[in-house]
Amino acid sequence: LDNLFKDFKIVLLENIRFYKEEEKND
Protein backbone atom coordinates (compact mmCIF):
# COMPACT_ATOMS: atom_id res chain seq x y z
CA LEU A 1 0.00 0.00 0.00
CA ASP A 2 2.87 2.37 0.78
CA ASN A 3 4.10 1.93 -2.80
CA LEU A 4 0.61 2.56 -4.19
CA PHE A 5 0.37 5.78 -2.20
CA LYS A 6 3.42 7.13 -4.02
CA ASP A 7 1.16 7.49 -7.06
CA PHE A 8 -2.39 7.60 -5.62
CA LYS A 9 -4.05 9.42 -2.72
CA ILE A 10 -7.00 7.03 -2.40
CA VAL A 11 -7.08 3.22 -2.61
CA LEU A 12 -10.40 1.37 -2.68
CA LEU A 13 -10.27 -2.24 -1.49
CA GLU A 14 -12.52 -4.98 -2.86
CA ASN A 15 -15.92 -5.66 -1.26
CA ILE A 16 -15.30 -6.36 2.43
CA ARG A 17 -18.23 -8.80 2.53
CA PHE A 18 -16.42 -11.13 0.16
CA TYR A 19 -14.73 -12.33 3.34
CA LYS A 20 -16.54 -14.52 5.86
CA GLU A 21 -14.27 -13.12 8.55
CA GLU A 22 -15.93 -9.69 8.21
CA GLU A 23 -19.30 -10.65 9.67
CA LYS A 24 -17.66 -12.97 12.20
CA ASN A 25 -15.49 -10.06 13.43
CA ASP A 26 -12.59 -12.50 13.24
PDB file of all heavy atoms in Angstrom:
ATOM      1  N   LEU A   1       0.826  -1.206   0.000  1.00  0.00           N
ATOM      2  CA  LEU A   1       0.000   0.000   0.000  1.00  0.00           C
ATOM      3  C   LEU A   1       0.862   1.259   0.000  1.00  0.00           C
ATOM      4  O   LEU A   1       0.543   2.249  -0.668  1.00  0.00           O
ATOM      5  CB  LEU A   1      -0.941   0.005   1.212  1.00  0.00           C
ATOM      6  CG  LEU A   1      -2.096  -0.995   1.190  1.00  0.00           C
ATOM      7  CD1 LEU A   1      -2.862  -0.941   2.514  1.00  0.00           C
ATOM      8  CD2 LEU A   1      -3.053  -0.716   0.034  1.00  0.00           C
ATOM      9  N   ASP A   2       1.966   1.213   0.748  1.00  0.00           N
ATOM     10  CA  ASP A   2       2.872   2.369   0.783  1.00  0.00           C
ATOM     11  C   ASP A   2       3.357   2.715  -0.623  1.00  0.00           C
ATOM     12  O   ASP A   2       3.456   3.889  -0.994  1.00  0.00           O
ATOM     13  CB  ASP A   2       4.074   2.077   1.688  1.00  0.00           C
ATOM     14  CG  ASP A   2       3.700   2.037   3.160  1.00  0.00           C
ATOM     15  OD1 ASP A   2       2.635   2.606   3.512  1.00  0.00           O
ATOM     16  OD2 ASP A   2       4.457   1.433   3.945  1.00  0.00           O
ATOM     17  N   ASN A   3       3.648   1.697  -1.426  1.00  0.00           N
ATOM     18  CA  ASN A   3       4.095   1.927  -2.796  1.00  0.00           C
ATOM     19  C   ASN A   3       2.971   2.506  -3.653  1.00  0.00           C
ATOM     20  O   ASN A   3       3.210   3.374  -4.500  1.00  0.00           O
ATOM     21  CB  ASN A   3       4.610   0.619  -3.409  1.00  0.00           C
ATOM     22  CG  ASN A   3       5.988   0.240  -2.893  1.00  0.00           C
ATOM     23  OD1 ASN A   3       6.808   1.111  -2.595  1.00  0.00           O
ATOM     24  ND2 ASN A   3       6.242  -1.053  -2.767  1.00  0.00           N
ATOM     25  N   LEU A   4       1.753   2.016  -3.444  1.00  0.00           N
ATOM     26  CA  LEU A   4       0.606   2.562  -4.186  1.00  0.00           C
ATOM     27  C   LEU A   4       0.415   4.045  -3.877  1.00  0.00           C
ATOM     28  O   LEU A   4       0.093   4.843  -4.764  1.00  0.00           O
ATOM     29  CB  LEU A   4      -0.672   1.794  -3.840  1.00  0.00           C
ATOM     30  CG  LEU A   4      -0.851   0.400  -4.437  1.00  0.00           C
ATOM     31  CD1 LEU A   4      -2.178  -0.197  -3.965  1.00  0.00           C
ATOM     32  CD2 LEU A   4      -0.824   0.450  -5.961  1.00  0.00           C
ATOM     33  N   PHE A   5       0.612   4.399  -2.616  1.00  0.00           N
ATOM     34  CA  PHE A   5       0.373   5.784  -2.196  1.00  0.00           C
ATOM     35  C   PHE A   5       1.444   6.766  -2.705  1.00  0.00           C
ATOM     36  O   PHE A   5       1.302   7.965  -2.534  1.00  0.00           O
ATOM     37  CB  PHE A   5       0.243   5.872  -0.681  1.00  0.00           C
ATOM     38  CG  PHE A   5      -1.082   5.364  -0.161  1.00  0.00           C
ATOM     39  CD1 PHE A   5      -1.126   4.429   0.854  1.00  0.00           C
ATOM     40  CD2 PHE A   5      -2.275   5.823  -0.707  1.00  0.00           C
ATOM     41  CE1 PHE A   5      -2.341   3.959   1.338  1.00  0.00           C
ATOM     42  CE2 PHE A   5      -3.496   5.349  -0.243  1.00  0.00           C
ATOM     43  CZ  PHE A   5      -3.532   4.423   0.778  1.00  0.00           C
ATOM     44  N   LYS A   6       2.458   6.238  -3.356  1.00  0.00           N
ATOM     45  CA  LYS A   6       3.416   7.126  -4.019  1.00  0.00           C
ATOM     46  C   LYS A   6       2.801   7.747  -5.272  1.00  0.00           C
ATOM     47  O   LYS A   6       3.205   8.824  -5.710  1.00  0.00           O
ATOM     48  CB  LYS A   6       4.688   6.346  -4.381  1.00  0.00           C
ATOM     49  CG  LYS A   6       5.511   5.913  -3.185  1.00  0.00           C
ATOM     50  CD  LYS A   6       6.711   5.068  -3.621  1.00  0.00           C
ATOM     51  CE  LYS A   6       7.507   4.591  -2.403  1.00  0.00           C
ATOM     52  NZ  LYS A   6       8.654   3.730  -2.826  1.00  0.00           N
ATOM     53  N   ASP A   7       1.802   7.037  -5.822  1.00  0.00           N
ATOM     54  CA  ASP A   7       1.156   7.493  -7.057  1.00  0.00           C
ATOM     55  C   ASP A   7      -0.318   7.860  -6.887  1.00  0.00           C
ATOM     56  O   ASP A   7      -0.878   8.561  -7.727  1.00  0.00           O
ATOM     57  CB  ASP A   7       1.272   6.408  -8.136  1.00  0.00           C
ATOM     58  CG  ASP A   7       2.712   6.083  -8.478  1.00  0.00           C
ATOM     59  OD1 ASP A   7       3.482   7.035  -8.730  1.00  0.00           O
ATOM     60  OD2 ASP A   7       3.063   4.887  -8.481  1.00  0.00           O
ATOM     61  N   PHE A   8      -0.956   7.366  -5.818  1.00  0.00           N
ATOM     62  CA  PHE A   8      -2.391   7.600  -5.617  1.00  0.00           C
ATOM     63  C   PHE A   8      -2.653   8.079  -4.193  1.00  0.00           C
ATOM     64  O   PHE A   8      -1.974   7.675  -3.255  1.00  0.00           O
ATOM     65  CB  PHE A   8      -3.193   6.320  -5.885  1.00  0.00           C
ATOM     66  CG  PHE A   8      -3.007   5.754  -7.264  1.00  0.00           C
ATOM     67  CD1 PHE A   8      -2.071   4.753  -7.491  1.00  0.00           C
ATOM     68  CD2 PHE A   8      -3.750   6.222  -8.335  1.00  0.00           C
ATOM     69  CE1 PHE A   8      -1.874   4.228  -8.756  1.00  0.00           C
ATOM     70  CE2 PHE A   8      -3.568   5.707  -9.607  1.00  0.00           C
ATOM     71  CZ  PHE A   8      -2.625   4.708  -9.826  1.00  0.00           C
ATOM     72  N   LYS A   9      -3.680   8.932  -4.047  1.00  0.00           N
ATOM     73  CA  LYS A   9      -4.051   9.422  -2.719  1.00  0.00           C
ATOM     74  C   LYS A   9      -5.111   8.544  -2.064  1.00  0.00           C
ATOM     75  O   LYS A   9      -5.248   8.524  -0.843  1.00  0.00           O
ATOM     76  CB  LYS A   9      -4.585  10.851  -2.824  1.00  0.00           C
ATOM     77  CG  LYS A   9      -3.582  11.865  -3.350  1.00  0.00           C
ATOM     78  CD  LYS A   9      -4.239  13.223  -3.510  1.00  0.00           C
ATOM     79  CE  LYS A   9      -3.277  14.248  -4.089  1.00  0.00           C
ATOM     80  NZ  LYS A   9      -3.947  15.561  -4.320  1.00  0.00           N
ATOM     81  N   ILE A  10      -5.889   7.841  -2.905  1.00  0.00           N
ATOM     82  CA  ILE A  10      -6.996   7.026  -2.397  1.00  0.00           C
ATOM     83  C   ILE A  10      -6.941   5.634  -3.008  1.00  0.00           C
ATOM     84  O   ILE A  10      -6.834   5.481  -4.228  1.00  0.00           O
ATOM     85  CB  ILE A  10      -8.366   7.663  -2.729  1.00  0.00           C
ATOM     86  CG1 ILE A  10      -8.438   9.106  -2.220  1.00  0.00           C
ATOM     87  CG2 ILE A  10      -9.495   6.827  -2.128  1.00  0.00           C
ATOM     88  CD1 ILE A  10      -9.704   9.836  -2.650  1.00  0.00           C
ATOM     89  N   VAL A  11      -7.020   4.609  -2.165  1.00  0.00           N
ATOM     90  CA  VAL A  11      -7.083   3.218  -2.613  1.00  0.00           C
ATOM     91  C   VAL A  11      -8.394   2.619  -2.114  1.00  0.00           C
ATOM     92  O   VAL A  11      -8.707   2.707  -0.916  1.00  0.00           O
ATOM     93  CB  VAL A  11      -5.892   2.396  -2.090  1.00  0.00           C
ATOM     94  CG1 VAL A  11      -6.075   0.912  -2.425  1.00  0.00           C
ATOM     95  CG2 VAL A  11      -4.592   2.915  -2.671  1.00  0.00           C
ATOM     96  N   LEU A  12      -9.144   2.030  -3.022  1.00  0.00           N
ATOM     97  CA  LEU A  12     -10.403   1.366  -2.682  1.00  0.00           C
ATOM     98  C   LEU A  12     -10.183  -0.139  -2.702  1.00  0.00           C
ATOM     99  O   LEU A  12      -9.811  -0.710  -3.728  1.00  0.00           O
ATOM    100  CB  LEU A  12     -11.488   1.749  -3.692  1.00  0.00           C
ATOM    101  CG  LEU A  12     -12.827   0.998  -3.608  1.00  0.00           C
ATOM    102  CD1 LEU A  12     -13.529   1.280  -2.279  1.00  0.00           C
ATOM    103  CD2 LEU A  12     -13.728   1.375  -4.787  1.00  0.00           C
ATOM    104  N   LEU A  13     -10.411  -0.795  -1.573  1.00  0.00           N
ATOM    105  CA  LEU A  13     -10.267  -2.243  -1.491  1.00  0.00           C
ATOM    106  C   LEU A  13     -11.530  -2.937  -1.985  1.00  0.00           C
ATOM    107  O   LEU A  13     -12.617  -2.355  -2.006  1.00  0.00           O
ATOM    108  CB  LEU A  13      -9.966  -2.666  -0.050  1.00  0.00           C
ATOM    109  CG  LEU A  13      -8.720  -2.051   0.601  1.00  0.00           C
ATOM    110  CD1 LEU A  13      -8.530  -2.628   2.000  1.00  0.00           C
ATOM    111  CD2 LEU A  13      -7.475  -2.272  -0.252  1.00  0.00           C
ATOM    112  N   GLU A  14     -11.379  -4.207  -2.377  1.00  0.00           N
ATOM    113  CA  GLU A  14     -12.517  -4.977  -2.863  1.00  0.00           C
ATOM    114  C   GLU A  14     -13.548  -5.188  -1.747  1.00  0.00           C
ATOM    115  O   GLU A  14     -13.237  -5.052  -0.553  1.00  0.00           O
ATOM    116  CB  GLU A  14     -12.020  -6.320  -3.417  1.00  0.00           C
ATOM    117  CG  GLU A  14     -13.078  -7.221  -4.035  1.00  0.00           C
ATOM    118  CD  GLU A  14     -13.862  -6.599  -5.186  1.00  0.00           C
ATOM    119  OE1 GLU A  14     -14.755  -5.766  -4.905  1.00  0.00           O
ATOM    120  OE2 GLU A  14     -13.604  -6.966  -6.352  1.00  0.00           O
ATOM    121  N   ASN A  15     -14.767  -5.469  -2.146  1.00  0.00           N
ATOM    122  CA  ASN A  15     -15.925  -5.659  -1.264  1.00  0.00           C
ATOM    123  C   ASN A  15     -15.570  -6.428   0.012  1.00  0.00           C
ATOM    124  O   ASN A  15     -15.202  -7.598  -0.031  1.00  0.00           O
ATOM    125  CB  ASN A  15     -17.013  -6.402  -2.043  1.00  0.00           C
ATOM    126  CG  ASN A  15     -18.349  -6.397  -1.345  1.00  0.00           C
ATOM    127  OD1 ASN A  15     -18.450  -6.186  -0.141  1.00  0.00           O
ATOM    128  ND2 ASN A  15     -19.404  -6.629  -2.104  1.00  0.00           N
ATOM    129  N   ILE A  16     -15.695  -5.773   1.153  1.00  0.00           N
ATOM    130  CA  ILE A  16     -15.303  -6.362   2.430  1.00  0.00           C
ATOM    131  C   ILE A  16     -16.168  -7.573   2.797  1.00  0.00           C
ATOM    132  O   ILE A  16     -15.745  -8.443   3.565  1.00  0.00           O
ATOM    133  CB  ILE A  16     -15.346  -5.297   3.562  1.00  0.00           C
ATOM    134  CG1 ILE A  16     -14.615  -5.784   4.829  1.00  0.00           C
ATOM    135  CG2 ILE A  16     -16.783  -4.893   3.887  1.00  0.00           C
ATOM    136  CD1 ILE A  16     -13.143  -5.890   4.666  1.00  0.00           C
ATOM    137  N   ARG A  17     -17.359  -7.657   2.224  1.00  0.00           N
ATOM    138  CA  ARG A  17     -18.234  -8.795   2.530  1.00  0.00           C
ATOM    139  C   ARG A  17     -17.960 -10.009   1.644  1.00  0.00           C
ATOM    140  O   ARG A  17     -18.692 -10.994   1.706  1.00  0.00           O
ATOM    141  CB  ARG A  17     -19.702  -8.374   2.448  1.00  0.00           C
ATOM    142  CG  ARG A  17     -20.103  -7.485   3.610  1.00  0.00           C
ATOM    143  CD  ARG A  17     -21.584  -7.257   3.693  1.00  0.00           C
ATOM    144  NE  ARG A  17     -21.910  -6.340   4.782  1.00  0.00           N
ATOM    145  CZ  ARG A  17     -23.098  -5.768   4.943  1.00  0.00           C
ATOM    146  NH1 ARG A  17     -24.085  -6.018   4.083  1.00  0.00           N
ATOM    147  NH2 ARG A  17     -23.329  -4.950   5.952  1.00  0.00           N
ATOM    148  N   PHE A  18     -16.887  -9.936   0.846  1.00  0.00           N
ATOM    149  CA  PHE A  18     -16.419 -11.133   0.159  1.00  0.00           C
ATOM    150  C   PHE A  18     -15.726 -12.079   1.140  1.00  0.00           C
ATOM    151  O   PHE A  18     -15.418 -13.224   0.804  1.00  0.00           O
ATOM    152  CB  PHE A  18     -15.429 -10.764  -0.954  1.00  0.00           C
ATOM    153  CG  PHE A  18     -16.070 -10.296  -2.237  1.00  0.00           C
ATOM    154  CD1 PHE A  18     -15.285  -9.918  -3.313  1.00  0.00           C
ATOM    155  CD2 PHE A  18     -17.450 -10.236  -2.381  1.00  0.00           C
ATOM    156  CE1 PHE A  18     -15.847  -9.484  -4.504  1.00  0.00           C
ATOM    157  CE2 PHE A  18     -18.033  -9.799  -3.562  1.00  0.00           C
ATOM    158  CZ  PHE A  18     -17.230  -9.427  -4.634  1.00  0.00           C
ATOM    159  N   TYR A  19     -15.486 -11.584   2.335  1.00  0.00           N
ATOM    160  CA  TYR A  19     -14.726 -12.333   3.339  1.00  0.00           C
ATOM    161  C   TYR A  19     -15.633 -12.728   4.503  1.00  0.00           C
ATOM    162  O   TYR A  19     -16.230 -11.872   5.158  1.00  0.00           O
ATOM    163  CB  TYR A  19     -13.549 -11.492   3.842  1.00  0.00           C
ATOM    164  CG  TYR A  19     -12.703 -10.944   2.717  1.00  0.00           C
ATOM    165  CD1 TYR A  19     -12.985  -9.683   2.175  1.00  0.00           C
ATOM    166  CD2 TYR A  19     -11.669 -11.690   2.169  1.00  0.00           C
ATOM    167  CE1 TYR A  19     -12.234  -9.187   1.119  1.00  0.00           C
ATOM    168  CE2 TYR A  19     -10.903 -11.199   1.114  1.00  0.00           C
ATOM    169  CZ  TYR A  19     -11.201  -9.936   0.589  1.00  0.00           C
ATOM    170  OH  TYR A  19     -10.467  -9.450  -0.459  1.00  0.00           O
ATOM    171  N   LYS A  20     -15.706 -14.035   4.757  1.00  0.00           N
ATOM    172  CA  LYS A  20     -16.543 -14.524   5.858  1.00  0.00           C
ATOM    173  C   LYS A  20     -16.094 -13.957   7.203  1.00  0.00           C
ATOM    174  O   LYS A  20     -16.902 -13.788   8.124  1.00  0.00           O
ATOM    175  CB  LYS A  20     -16.510 -16.054   5.904  1.00  0.00           C
ATOM    176  CG  LYS A  20     -17.263 -16.737   4.762  1.00  0.00           C
ATOM    177  CD  LYS A  20     -17.222 -18.250   4.927  1.00  0.00           C
ATOM    178  CE  LYS A  20     -18.166 -18.938   3.923  1.00  0.00           C
ATOM    179  NZ  LYS A  20     -17.767 -18.719   2.535  1.00  0.00           N
ATOM    180  N   GLU A  21     -14.820 -13.630   7.290  1.00  0.00           N
ATOM    181  CA  GLU A  21     -14.272 -13.117   8.547  1.00  0.00           C
ATOM    182  C   GLU A  21     -14.861 -11.754   8.926  1.00  0.00           C
ATOM    183  O   GLU A  21     -14.855 -11.379  10.102  1.00  0.00           O
ATOM    184  CB  GLU A  21     -12.750 -12.977   8.441  1.00  0.00           C
ATOM    185  CG  GLU A  21     -12.012 -14.266   8.143  1.00  0.00           C
ATOM    186  CD  GLU A  21     -11.726 -14.433   6.655  1.00  0.00           C
ATOM    187  OE1 GLU A  21     -12.555 -13.981   5.835  1.00  0.00           O
ATOM    188  OE2 GLU A  21     -10.674 -15.009   6.318  1.00  0.00           O
ATOM    189  N   GLU A  22     -15.367 -11.018   7.932  1.00  0.00           N
ATOM    190  CA  GLU A  22     -15.927  -9.692   8.210  1.00  0.00           C
ATOM    191  C   GLU A  22     -17.103  -9.779   9.165  1.00  0.00           C
ATOM    192  O   GLU A  22     -17.127  -9.123  10.203  1.00  0.00           O
ATOM    193  CB  GLU A  22     -16.345  -9.025   6.897  1.00  0.00           C
ATOM    194  CG  GLU A  22     -17.311  -7.859   7.023  1.00  0.00           C
ATOM    195  CD  GLU A  22     -16.735  -6.619   7.678  1.00  0.00           C
ATOM    196  OE1 GLU A  22     -15.549  -6.624   8.084  1.00  0.00           O
ATOM    197  OE2 GLU A  22     -17.476  -5.628   7.796  1.00  0.00           O
ATOM    198  N   GLU A  23     -18.092 -10.577   8.836  1.00  0.00           N
ATOM    199  CA  GLU A  23     -19.297 -10.647   9.669  1.00  0.00           C
ATOM    200  C   GLU A  23     -19.052 -11.423  10.960  1.00  0.00           C
ATOM    201  O   GLU A  23     -19.799 -11.265  11.921  1.00  0.00           O
ATOM    202  CB  GLU A  23     -20.452 -11.250   8.870  1.00  0.00           C
ATOM    203  CG  GLU A  23     -20.861 -10.372   7.690  1.00  0.00           C
ATOM    204  CD  GLU A  23     -22.149 -10.809   7.023  1.00  0.00           C
ATOM    205  OE1 GLU A  23     -22.929 -11.546   7.665  1.00  0.00           O
ATOM    206  OE2 GLU A  23     -22.381 -10.421   5.860  1.00  0.00           O
ATOM    207  N   LYS A  24     -18.013 -12.242  10.978  1.00  0.00           N
ATOM    208  CA  LYS A  24     -17.658 -12.965  12.203  1.00  0.00           C
ATOM    209  C   LYS A  24     -16.831 -12.100  13.153  1.00  0.00           C
ATOM    210  O   LYS A  24     -16.573 -12.499  14.285  1.00  0.00           O
ATOM    211  CB  LYS A  24     -16.873 -14.232  11.856  1.00  0.00           C
ATOM    212  CG  LYS A  24     -17.687 -15.287  11.111  1.00  0.00           C
ATOM    213  CD  LYS A  24     -16.819 -16.489  10.770  1.00  0.00           C
ATOM    214  CE  LYS A  24     -17.615 -17.553  10.031  1.00  0.00           C
ATOM    215  NZ  LYS A  24     -16.766 -18.716   9.662  1.00  0.00           N
ATOM    216  N   ASN A  25     -16.389 -10.933  12.659  1.00  0.00           N
ATOM    217  CA  ASN A  25     -15.493 -10.060  13.433  1.00  0.00           C
ATOM    218  C   ASN A  25     -14.268 -10.845  13.899  1.00  0.00           C
ATOM    219  O   ASN A  25     -13.832 -10.745  15.052  1.00  0.00           O
ATOM    220  CB  ASN A  25     -16.229  -9.448  14.631  1.00  0.00           C
ATOM    221  CG  ASN A  25     -15.527  -8.214  15.187  1.00  0.00           C
ATOM    222  OD1 ASN A  25     -14.553  -7.722  14.612  1.00  0.00           O
ATOM    223  ND2 ASN A  25     -15.989  -7.736  16.333  1.00  0.00           N
ATOM    224  N   ASP A  26     -13.727 -11.628  12.964  1.00  0.00           N
ATOM    225  CA  ASP A  26     -12.592 -12.502  13.245  1.00  0.00           C
ATOM    226  C   ASP A  26     -11.364 -11.686  13.655  1.00  0.00           C
ATOM    227  O   ASP A  26     -10.954 -10.750  12.962  1.00  0.00           O
ATOM    228  CB  ASP A  26     -12.277 -13.322  11.986  1.00  0.00           C
ATOM    229  CG  ASP A  26     -11.116 -14.250  12.165  1.00  0.00           C
ATOM    230  OD1 ASP A  26     -11.316 -15.348  12.708  1.00  0.00           O
ATOM    231  OD2 ASP A  26      -9.995 -13.862  11.770  1.00  0.00           O
TER     232      ASP A  26
END
